[in-house]
Amino acid sequence: MGQTGGEYGVRILTGNDLKTGDVTWWTGTGWSRHVDEAVDAGADGEQIIARETAARNVNAAYVVEAEKDETGIRPAHIKDRIRAVGPTVRPDLGLKPADPSIGNWVI
């Protein structure tokens, strides 16, 4: 992979599953519903998106600046944090319903 990018140092990819519409994250070998499985795409993000879109593996994919620390990876922008965990008005319907700190993670 190329250099890491942007102010945050990590560039991850997100898009939507073509069959279900679910938010997905690039894992390095495919797409996952869980942002925790996302990997740094570095400078190769646009190339990966072009290849995956052409293969019809993902829809509306784009590069996301993110932060990575000992707790995992977290999108830098609130829009993508919300995409990563699900509805903010009903955390019990999201991907991490049992996580009491999810409100702090999103905001």
Protein backbone atom coordinates (compact mmCIF):
# COMPACT_ATOMS: atom_id res chain seq x y z
CA MET A 1 0.00 0.00 0.00
CA GLY A 2 0.97 3.61 -0.44
CA GLN A 3 1.52 6.28 2.14
CA THR A 4 -1.15 7.03 4.69
CA GLY A 5 -3.07 10.16 3.93
CA GLY A 6 -4.56 13.33 5.26
CA GLU A 7 -4.58 15.07 8.58
CA TYR A 8 -5.60 11.91 10.44
CA GLY A 9 -3.03 9.58 8.89
CA VAL A 10 -5.43 6.73 8.06
CA ARG A 11 -7.64 6.44 5.01
CA ILE A 12 -10.37 3.81 5.04
CA LEU A 13 -12.97 3.02 2.42
CA THR A 14 -16.73 2.81 2.80
CA GLY A 15 -19.62 2.16 0.47
CA ASN A 16 -22.85 0.23 0.31
CA ASP A 17 -23.60 -3.41 -0.39
CA LEU A 18 -25.40 -3.73 -3.72
CA LYS A 19 -27.90 -6.36 -2.54
CA THR A 20 -28.80 -5.13 0.94
CA GLY A 21 -27.80 -1.46 0.94
CA ASP A 22 -25.82 -2.07 4.15
CA VAL A 23 -22.91 0.23 4.92
CA THR A 24 -19.68 -1.63 4.24
CA TRP A 25 -15.98 -1.08 5.00
CA TRP A 26 -12.94 -2.28 3.01
CA THR A 27 -11.01 -5.02 4.86
CA GLY A 28 -8.11 -5.37 2.47
CA THR A 29 -9.65 -8.44 0.82
CA GLY A 30 -13.37 -7.65 0.73
CA TRP A 31 -16.16 -5.69 2.41
CA SER A 32 -17.50 -5.96 5.96
CA ARG A 33 -20.41 -4.38 7.85
CA HIS A 34 -18.05 -3.75 10.78
CA VAL A 35 -15.81 -0.69 10.78
CA ASP A 36 -13.51 -2.48 13.24
CA GLU A 37 -12.41 -4.67 10.32
CA ALA A 38 -11.47 -1.71 8.08
CA VAL A 39 -7.85 -1.32 7.02
CA ASP A 40 -5.81 1.66 5.93
CA ALA A 41 -6.03 1.94 2.13
CA GLY A 42 -3.29 4.57 2.07
CA ALA A 43 -2.79 6.21 -1.30
CA ASP A 44 -4.44 3.27 -3.09
CA GLY A 45 -8.01 4.11 -2.05
CA GLU A 46 -9.23 5.49 -5.36
CA GLN A 47 -7.74 2.55 -7.29
CA ILE A 48 -9.39 0.04 -4.96
CA ILE A 49 -12.71 1.86 -5.29
CA ALA A 50 -12.50 1.85 -9.10
CA ARG A 51 -11.70 -1.87 -9.18
CA GLU A 52 -14.38 -2.84 -6.64
CA THR A 53 -17.04 -0.67 -8.28
CA ALA A 54 -16.27 -2.11 -11.73
CA ALA A 55 -16.55 -5.63 -10.28
CA ARG A 56 -19.92 -4.65 -8.75
CA ASN A 57 -18.73 -5.49 -5.25
CA VAL A 58 -19.75 -2.12 -3.81
CA ASN A 59 -21.85 0.94 -4.61
CA ALA A 60 -21.08 4.63 -3.97
CA ALA A 61 -17.73 3.95 -2.32
CA TYR A 62 -15.50 6.77 -1.09
CA VAL A 63 -12.37 7.42 0.98
CA VAL A 64 -12.80 8.35 4.65
CA GLU A 65 -10.21 10.01 6.86
CA ALA A 66 -9.93 8.08 10.12
CA GLU A 67 -8.08 7.84 13.41
CA LYS A 68 -6.51 4.63 14.69
CA ASP A 69 -5.38 3.94 18.24
CA GLU A 70 -5.26 1.06 20.72
CA THR A 71 -9.06 0.91 20.82
CA GLY A 72 -9.38 0.48 17.06
CA ILE A 73 -10.29 2.59 14.06
CA ARG A 74 -12.75 5.49 14.10
CA PRO A 75 -13.89 7.63 11.16
CA ALA A 76 -12.94 11.28 11.67
CA HIS A 77 -16.24 12.77 10.47
CA ILE A 78 -19.45 12.32 12.47
CA LYS A 79 -21.41 11.33 9.34
CA ASP A 80 -19.21 8.28 8.86
CA ARG A 81 -19.23 7.44 12.58
CA ILE A 82 -23.02 7.29 12.40
CA ARG A 83 -22.79 5.16 9.25
CA ALA A 84 -20.47 2.82 11.17
CA VAL A 85 -22.78 2.13 14.13
CA GLY A 86 -26.34 2.74 12.97
CA PRO A 87 -29.13 5.03 14.11
CA THR A 88 -28.33 7.46 16.91
CA VAL A 89 -31.94 7.68 18.08
CA ARG A 90 -32.16 3.91 18.64
CA PRO A 91 -28.70 2.53 19.52
CA ASP A 92 -30.38 -0.79 20.35
CA LEU A 93 -31.01 -1.22 16.61
CA GLY A 94 -27.40 -0.51 15.63
CA LEU A 95 -24.40 -2.77 15.16
CA LYS A 96 -23.23 -2.37 18.78
CA PRO A 97 -26.43 -2.44 20.85
CA ALA A 98 -24.75 -3.67 24.04
CA ASP A 99 -22.02 -0.99 24.03
CA PRO A 100 -22.97 1.66 26.62
CA SER A 101 -20.27 4.06 25.37
CA ILE A 102 -21.54 4.19 21.77
CA GLY A 103 -22.98 7.69 22.23
CA ASN A 104 -19.51 8.96 23.16
CA TRP A 105 -18.00 7.14 20.20
CA VAL A 106 -20.32 8.81 17.68
CA ILE A 107 -20.04 12.37 18.97
